[in-house]
Amino acid sequence: MTSAHKTKKSTEPKFEEAMAELEEVVRRVETGDTPLEESLQAFERGVALVRSLHARLDAVQSRIEELSRGSEGALGVAGLAGGTDDEGGDAER
């Protein structure tokens, strides 16, 4: 791993930490007890967190799709173990 890649990872909070921070920001803004200027700053932080989290989820989804491609390049859908691929079907067919 390059030092630039390590630096980026170390300065960004983990996904779960960013999500927890977003939840806290939402709680603060929803209470309505904070002054307008603080609420605006919290809202801006929340928007930045949502964008960051969305970008991370998009990257994860792309990686999962890349790993899930079959030998011919088609994206496959794998069913859960013990379940069925159709909705409401019996698991023991």
Foldseek 3Di string as FASTA:
>chain_A
DDPVVVVVVVVDDPLVVLVVLLVVLVVVLVVVPDDPVVNVVSVVSNVVSVVVNVVVVVVVVVVVQVVQADPVRDHDDDDDPQDDPDPPDDSPD
